[in-house]
Protein backbone atom coordinates (compact mmCIF):
# COMPACT_ATOMS: atom_id res chain seq x y z
CA UNK A 1 159.08 -115.76 116.96
CA UNK A 2 158.86 -119.11 119.44
CA UNK A 3 157.78 -118.43 122.87
CA UNK A 4 158.08 -120.67 125.60
CA UNK A 5 155.48 -120.40 128.16
CA UNK A 6 151.47 -120.18 127.30
CA UNK A 7 148.88 -118.09 129.32
CA UNK A 8 147.13 -119.89 131.91
CA UNK A 9 144.13 -118.06 131.52
CA UNK A 10 142.59 -115.52 129.92
CA UNK A 11 139.50 -113.85 129.67
CA UNK A 12 137.71 -110.08 128.97
CA UNK A 13 137.06 -107.63 131.89
CA UNK A 14 135.98 -104.68 129.99
CA UNK A 15 134.17 -105.03 126.81
CA UNK A 16 131.72 -102.49 126.19
CA UNK A 17 131.74 -101.03 123.04
CA UNK A 18 133.88 -98.30 123.24
CA UNK A 19 137.55 -98.15 122.52
CA UNK A 20 139.41 -99.37 126.35
CA UNK A 21 143.24 -99.22 125.75
CA UNK A 22 146.21 -97.94 127.00
CA UNK A 23 146.12 -99.33 130.54
CA UNK A 24 147.89 -98.72 133.94
CA UNK A 25 147.56 -101.74 136.61
CA UNK A 26 148.89 -101.82 139.86
CA UNK A 27 147.84 -103.46 143.66
CA UNK A 28 147.65 -100.52 146.24
CA UNK A 29 145.80 -100.89 149.76
CA UNK A 30 144.80 -104.48 149.47
CA UNK A 31 142.91 -103.78 146.26
CA UNK A 32 144.27 -104.05 142.96
CA UNK A 33 143.60 -100.41 140.47
CA UNK A 34 143.16 -100.38 136.77
CA UNK A 35 143.42 -96.72 134.99
CA UNK A 36 142.85 -96.20 131.08
CA UNK A 37 141.39 -94.34 128.11
CA UNK A 38 138.06 -94.76 126.73
CA UNK A 39 137.28 -93.12 123.63
CA UNK A 40 135.32 -94.04 120.52
CA UNK A 41 138.57 -94.74 118.21
CA UNK A 42 141.96 -95.29 118.79
CA UNK A 43 142.71 -92.29 116.64
CA UNK A 44 139.90 -90.17 118.59
CA UNK A 45 139.78 -87.15 120.31
CA UNK A 46 137.52 -87.80 122.74
CA UNK A 47 138.95 -89.75 125.51
CA UNK A 48 138.50 -89.99 128.95
CA UNK A 49 140.42 -91.52 132.00
CA UNK A 50 138.71 -94.36 133.91
CA UNK A 51 140.05 -95.76 137.16
CA UNK A 52 138.55 -98.47 138.19
CA UNK A 53 139.19 -101.13 141.71
CA UNK A 54 138.94 -104.38 142.51
CA UNK A 55 139.50 -106.90 145.28
CA UNK A 56 140.11 -109.80 143.44
CA UNK A 57 140.19 -109.09 139.54
CA UNK A 58 136.90 -111.09 139.21
CA UNK A 59 134.74 -108.15 139.80
CA UNK A 60 135.47 -104.47 139.02
CA UNK A 61 134.22 -101.57 140.20
CA UNK A 62 133.65 -97.24 139.16
CA UNK A 63 136.15 -95.03 140.76
CA UNK A 64 136.81 -92.21 138.99
CA UNK A 65 136.19 -90.86 135.46
CA UNK A 66 138.37 -87.97 134.53
CA UNK A 67 138.05 -85.37 131.39
CA UNK A 68 141.24 -83.04 131.87
CA UNK A 69 141.61 -81.46 128.26
CA UNK A 70 140.58 -83.12 124.84
CA UNK A 71 141.90 -86.64 124.54
CA UNK A 72 143.06 -88.35 127.97
CA UNK A 73 145.02 -91.28 127.28
CA UNK A 74 148.47 -93.33 128.52
CA UNK A 75 147.56 -93.94 131.98
CA UNK A 76 150.50 -94.46 134.27
CA UNK A 77 149.57 -95.04 138.30
CA UNK A 78 152.50 -95.07 140.96
CA UNK A 79 151.62 -96.55 144.54
CA UNK A 80 153.50 -95.23 146.75
CA UNK A 81 152.96 -95.88 150.83
CA UNK A 82 150.51 -93.00 151.63
CA UNK A 83 149.26 -92.55 147.89
CA UNK A 84 147.99 -93.24 145.04
CA UNK A 85 149.07 -91.12 141.78
CA UNK A 86 148.24 -90.97 138.50
CA UNK A 87 149.50 -89.33 135.49
CA UNK A 88 147.53 -88.29 132.67
CA UNK A 89 148.71 -87.38 129.54
CA UNK A 90 146.07 -85.08 127.65
CA UNK A 91 146.47 -84.26 123.90
CA UNK A 92 144.50 -80.90 123.11
CA UNK A 93 144.61 -79.07 119.50
CA UNK A 94 148.05 -81.41 118.75
CA UNK A 95 150.08 -80.34 122.10
CA UNK A 96 150.43 -83.18 125.36
CA UNK A 97 150.71 -81.74 128.53
CA UNK A 98 150.96 -83.62 131.87
CA UNK A 99 148.43 -83.66 134.74
CA UNK A 100 148.60 -85.44 138.09
CA UNK A 101 145.87 -86.46 140.57
CA UNK A 102 146.94 -88.47 143.62
CA UNK A 103 143.99 -90.61 146.74
CA UNK A 104 145.31 -90.83 149.75
CA UNK A 105 142.60 -93.15 150.64
CA UNK A 106 141.11 -94.43 147.70
CA UNK A 107 137.38 -92.20 148.11
CA UNK A 108 138.74 -88.63 147.50
CA UNK A 109 141.27 -87.80 144.72
CA UNK A 110 143.31 -84.32 144.54
CA UNK A 111 142.28 -81.72 141.51
CA UNK A 112 144.44 -82.02 138.65
CA UNK A 113 147.90 -79.98 138.35
CA UNK A 114 150.18 -79.45 135.94
CA UNK A 115 153.53 -81.39 135.83
CA UNK A 116 156.80 -80.86 133.76
CA UNK A 117 156.87 -78.85 130.10
CA UNK A 118 154.12 -78.44 127.66
CA UNK A 119 154.66 -80.81 124.88
CA UNK A 120 155.88 -84.00 127.13
CA UNK A 121 154.18 -87.19 127.83
CA UNK A 122 155.22 -88.63 131.15
CA UNK A 123 156.18 -92.71 130.33
CA UNK A 124 156.15 -95.11 133.42
CA UNK A 125 157.30 -93.50 136.99
CA UNK A 126 159.28 -95.33 139.31
CA UNK A 127 160.63 -95.19 142.45
CA UNK A 128 164.25 -95.93 143.48
CA UNK A 129 165.87 -95.18 146.51
CA UNK A 130 163.30 -92.38 147.79
CA UNK A 131 163.60 -90.54 144.99
CA UNK A 132 160.98 -90.39 142.00
CA UNK A 133 162.12 -91.02 138.27
CA UNK A 134 160.69 -91.18 134.75
CA UNK A 135 160.98 -90.74 131.08
CA UNK A 136 159.29 -88.43 129.32
CA UNK A 137 159.47 -88.06 125.53
CA UNK A 138 158.11 -85.41 123.14
CA UNK A 139 156.58 -86.63 120.16
CA UNK A 140 156.59 -84.82 116.31
CA UNK A 141 158.64 -85.65 113.52
CA UNK A 142 161.67 -87.76 113.92
CA UNK A 143 163.92 -84.27 114.13
CA UNK A 144 161.95 -82.64 116.58
CA UNK A 145 161.14 -85.81 118.82
CA UNK A 146 163.80 -86.59 122.40
CA UNK A 147 163.39 -88.66 125.58
CA UNK A 148 164.33 -86.98 128.79
CA UNK A 149 165.63 -88.49 131.86
CA UNK A 150 163.18 -86.60 134.35
CA UNK A 151 163.18 -86.90 138.43
CA UNK A 152 161.22 -85.94 141.21
CA UNK A 153 161.13 -86.00 145.42
CA UNK A 154 157.60 -85.91 145.48
CA UNK A 155 156.20 -87.22 142.31
CA UNK A 156 154.25 -83.38 141.64
CA UNK A 157 157.68 -81.52 141.06
CA UNK A 158 159.74 -82.96 138.13
CA UNK A 159 163.25 -81.32 136.67
CA UNK A 160 165.04 -83.12 133.81
CA UNK A 161 168.13 -84.71 134.84
CA UNK A 162 169.60 -85.30 131.36
CA UNK A 163 168.48 -86.09 127.50
CA UNK A 164 168.36 -89.60 126.99
CA UNK A 165 168.32 -89.17 123.24
CA UNK A 166 167.48 -86.66 120.59
CA UNK A 167 166.37 -86.42 116.87
CA UNK A 168 165.81 -89.40 116.25
CA UNK A 169 162.14 -90.71 116.22
CA UNK A 170 162.31 -90.98 120.03
CA UNK A 171 159.13 -92.02 121.35
CA UNK A 172 157.94 -94.18 124.78
CA UNK A 173 160.87 -94.79 126.93
CA UNK A 174 160.65 -97.46 130.25
CA UNK A 175 163.37 -97.35 132.68
CA UNK A 176 165.08 -100.30 134.74
CA UNK A 177 167.09 -99.95 137.83
CA UNK A 178 169.69 -102.59 137.82
CA UNK A 179 172.73 -103.41 140.77
CA UNK A 180 174.53 -100.63 141.47
CA UNK A 181 172.30 -97.66 140.14
CA UNK A 182 173.01 -98.59 136.76
CA UNK A 183 170.09 -97.54 134.76
CA UNK A 184 168.99 -99.03 131.72
CA UNK A 185 166.37 -97.18 129.53
CA UNK A 186 164.01 -99.00 126.55
CA UNK A 187 163.22 -96.66 123.94
CA UNK A 188 160.92 -97.13 120.92
CA UNK A 189 161.81 -95.64 117.60
CA UNK A 190 159.68 -94.15 115.26
CA UNK A 191 162.05 -94.24 112.52
CA UNK A 192 163.52 -98.22 112.52
CA UNK A 193 160.98 -101.11 113.17
CA UNK A 194 163.62 -102.19 115.71
CA UNK A 195 163.46 -100.13 119.49
CA UNK A 196 167.42 -99.09 121.42
CA UNK A 197 168.46 -100.05 124.87
CA UNK A 198 170.46 -97.17 126.36
CA UNK A 199 172.43 -97.35 129.39
CA UNK A 200 174.13 -95.22 132.40
CA UNK A 201 175.32 -94.76 135.46
CA UNK A 202 174.91 -92.25 138.21
CA UNK A 203 174.79 -89.50 137.95
CA UNK A 204 173.20 -90.39 134.50
CA UNK A 205 174.58 -87.56 132.03
CA UNK A 206 175.64 -89.64 129.13
CA UNK A 207 174.01 -92.61 127.71
CA UNK A 208 175.68 -95.09 126.02
CA UNK A 209 173.09 -97.17 122.96
CA UNK A 210 172.82 -100.59 121.30
CA UNK A 211 169.79 -101.51 119.34
CA UNK A 212 167.59 -103.76 121.55
CA UNK A 213 166.80 -106.38 118.72
CA UNK A 214 163.41 -106.00 118.18
CA UNK A 215 159.92 -103.53 118.24
CA UNK A 216 159.37 -101.67 121.11
CA UNK A 217 155.99 -99.76 121.93
CA UNK A 218 153.73 -99.42 124.74
CA UNK A 219 156.36 -101.57 126.56
CA UNK A 220 156.88 -101.58 130.58
CA UNK A 221 159.50 -103.73 132.16
CA UNK A 222 159.27 -105.64 135.92
CA UNK A 223 161.34 -107.76 138.03
CA UNK A 224 159.33 -110.57 139.52
CA UNK A 225 162.10 -112.83 142.08
CA UNK A 226 164.91 -111.65 140.67
CA UNK A 227 163.41 -112.24 136.77
CA UNK A 228 162.99 -108.87 133.93
CA UNK A 229 160.44 -108.70 132.56
CA UNK A 230 159.46 -106.64 129.15
CA UNK A 231 156.64 -106.71 127.40
CA UNK A 232 154.88 -104.77 124.57
CA UNK A 233 153.49 -105.28 121.38
CA UNK A 234 154.66 -107.79 118.84
CA UNK A 235 154.42 -106.14 115.19
CA UNK A 236 155.02 -109.43 112.85
CA UNK A 237 154.86 -108.27 108.91
CA UNK A 238 154.49 -110.47 105.91
CA UNK A 239 157.48 -110.66 104.62
CA UNK A 240 159.37 -110.84 107.46
CA UNK A 241 161.25 -107.37 108.85
CA UNK A 242 164.44 -107.04 110.29
CA UNK A 243 164.54 -104.53 113.27
CA UNK A 244 167.09 -102.01 111.04
CA UNK A 245 164.23 -101.48 108.33
CA UNK A 246 163.03 -97.87 108.50
CA UNK A 247 159.60 -97.25 109.01
CA UNK A 248 158.88 -95.58 105.99
CA UNK A 249 159.83 -98.92 103.90
CA UNK A 250 157.02 -101.24 105.97
CA UNK A 251 154.29 -99.44 104.22
CA UNK A 252 151.82 -101.80 102.34
CA UNK A 253 153.45 -104.53 104.08
CA UNK A 254 150.66 -106.80 105.40
CA UNK A 255 151.08 -106.66 109.24
CA UNK A 256 149.53 -108.92 112.08
CA UNK A 257 149.89 -107.65 116.02
CA UNK A 258 150.11 -109.37 119.26
CA UNK A 259 150.94 -108.74 122.73
CA UNK A 260 154.74 -110.44 124.06
CA UNK A 261 156.77 -110.87 126.82
CA UNK A 262 160.01 -111.23 127.11
CA UNK A 263 162.82 -111.83 129.66
CA UNK A 264 165.96 -109.70 129.88
CA UNK A 265 169.12 -111.30 130.92
CA UNK A 266 172.58 -110.60 130.15
CA UNK A 267 171.72 -107.43 128.14
CA UNK A 268 169.74 -109.21 125.97
CA UNK A 269 165.76 -109.35 125.01
CA UNK A 270 164.59 -113.45 124.80
CA UNK A 271 160.80 -114.48 123.70
CA UNK A 272 159.00 -116.01 126.31
CA UNK A 273 155.21 -115.49 126.32
CA UNK A 274 152.72 -114.50 123.20
CA UNK A 275 149.52 -113.19 124.66
CA UNK A 276 146.46 -113.76 122.18
CA UNK A 277 146.95 -114.66 118.46
CA UNK A 278 148.52 -112.81 115.92
CA UNK A 279 146.08 -113.24 112.85
CA UNK A 280 143.35 -110.64 112.42
CA UNK A 281 146.18 -107.87 112.62
CA UNK A 282 144.33 -106.13 115.75
CA UNK A 283 145.12 -103.42 117.26
CA UNK A 284 146.57 -104.75 120.69
CA UNK A 285 149.13 -104.33 123.64
CA UNK A 286 150.12 -101.56 126.07
CA UNK A 287 150.14 -103.94 129.17
CA UNK A 288 150.99 -103.31 132.71
CA UNK A 289 151.39 -106.46 135.47
CA UNK A 290 151.06 -107.51 138.79
CA UNK A 291 152.75 -110.68 140.55
CA UNK A 292 150.29 -112.53 141.88
CA UNK A 293 152.44 -115.69 144.14
CA UNK A 294 153.61 -117.72 141.31
CA UNK A 295 151.98 -116.00 138.07
CA UNK A 296 151.58 -112.55 136.84
CA UNK A 297 148.32 -111.02 136.11
CA UNK A 298 148.85 -108.87 132.65
CA UNK A 299 146.15 -106.55 131.33
CA UNK A 300 146.54 -105.61 128.01
CA UNK A 301 144.05 -103.81 125.08
CA UNK A 302 143.32 -105.90 121.64
CA UNK A 303 140.61 -104.57 119.10
CA UNK A 304 137.29 -105.78 119.76
CA UNK A 305 137.03 -106.90 115.76
CA UNK A 306 139.01 -107.86 112.60
CA UNK A 307 141.48 -104.76 112.60
CA UNK A 308 140.91 -102.56 108.94
CA UNK A 309 144.45 -102.00 108.39
CA UNK A 310 144.91 -98.92 110.07
CA UNK A 311 143.58 -96.90 113.28
CA UNK A 312 139.97 -95.61 113.12
CA UNK A 313 138.79 -92.80 114.67
CA UNK A 314 135.54 -94.62 115.67
CA UNK A 315 136.45 -98.43 116.42
CA UNK A 316 136.16 -100.39 119.85
CA UNK A 317 138.68 -102.51 122.14
CA UNK A 318 138.56 -104.43 124.47
CA UNK A 319 140.68 -105.16 128.16
CA UNK A 320 142.03 -108.69 128.88
CA UNK A 321 143.85 -109.92 131.75
CA UNK A 322 145.69 -112.98 131.31
CA UNK A 323 147.45 -115.17 134.22
CA UNK A 324 151.26 -116.16 132.96
CA UNK A 325 153.68 -118.61 134.93
CA UNK A 326 156.40 -116.87 136.18
CA UNK A 327 160.26 -117.84 134.95
CA UNK A 328 161.37 -120.53 137.66
CA UNK A 329 164.65 -118.95 139.36
CA UNK A 330 167.54 -120.54 137.29
CA UNK A 331 165.54 -121.81 134.18
CA UNK A 332 167.50 -121.01 131.02
CA UNK A 333 165.85 -117.59 130.00
C-alpha cells in the first residue's frame, strides 16, 4: 500500500523484555501521559496496567502500576479540565469488566470502580459538547458480539444510547463527531478482513453502514488542524486479499503487519504514512497520538523479535514513538 509521507523520526521508549502494548497517550497538566499493558506475552493472562509521565517524551518516569483483576489491558486515557481518567478493561475467567480510576493532581489516583455492563470493553472515550461518549463492544462468537454507543455526564456512570451493530462479529469501534453533530463509527470486523463505517445523526438511535474498504483494528481517530487521521494496523496478506474476504478464508496465508495512518476525507480513507517495515510478520499497532506543532507524536507497539506466526503466551513487544508531519491544509488526501 503506497503512502505519501514518511515519519521524520522513530525510537523505542519502552523495551524491557516484557510484552508492552495497547497504549493510551495524551497530554494533560503540561505533561505527556502514557498508559499501557505490561505482560509476559500477547495472550498471557497476567497483564498489569502501567502509567508513565514525561515533560518532553525523552525521559519517562513511573507514575502508577495497577493490578485490578486478571489481565488488565486496553488502556483508555481521557484528559479533562480537572481530571485525567484512566479506563481499564480487565479479562478475568474469560469475562471482561471495565473499571475507571482518575487523578486530579497527577499524584494521587482514586481506587478502581466498575463501570457499564459486565462482558463489555470500553473503547476510545471522548467528550463532545460537554458530554462523554464511547463505544462499548462485547467479545465472543460472531453472532454474540455487538457494539453499543454509550454516554455519560461525568465519565463514571455510563448508559447505553443505541446498538451500533450486532451479531456480525463486532469489535473495536472508534467514534468521530463531525459538523452538526453527525457521528461516524469506525468498526472492526471479526468476520471479514475489512471493517465498516457507520453513521448516525442525533439522537443517534439509527445507523447507516458501508464498507470501510480497509482493515480496521486497534484503531484511533484524531483531527488535527482540520484534517482527520485514522491510524491502526495494516495487514498485508500474500497473496493480496480483498477487504470483503472472510477472515476464515485467510488461514494459512503469509501475513505481514505494520502500523498505518490514513487521512479521512469526504467519507473515504486514504493511505498517508506507514510506521515500520512490513517484513517480519510482527505483532504491531494500537497507536495513540498527540499533536506537537506541525507534527503528531504517535506511540504504538511492535514485537521485539521475528513473529512466530501466532500470538504466544510468552513473547516481547516494545513501545515506539514516531514523529509524523501533519498534512498541509489544502493538500490533496
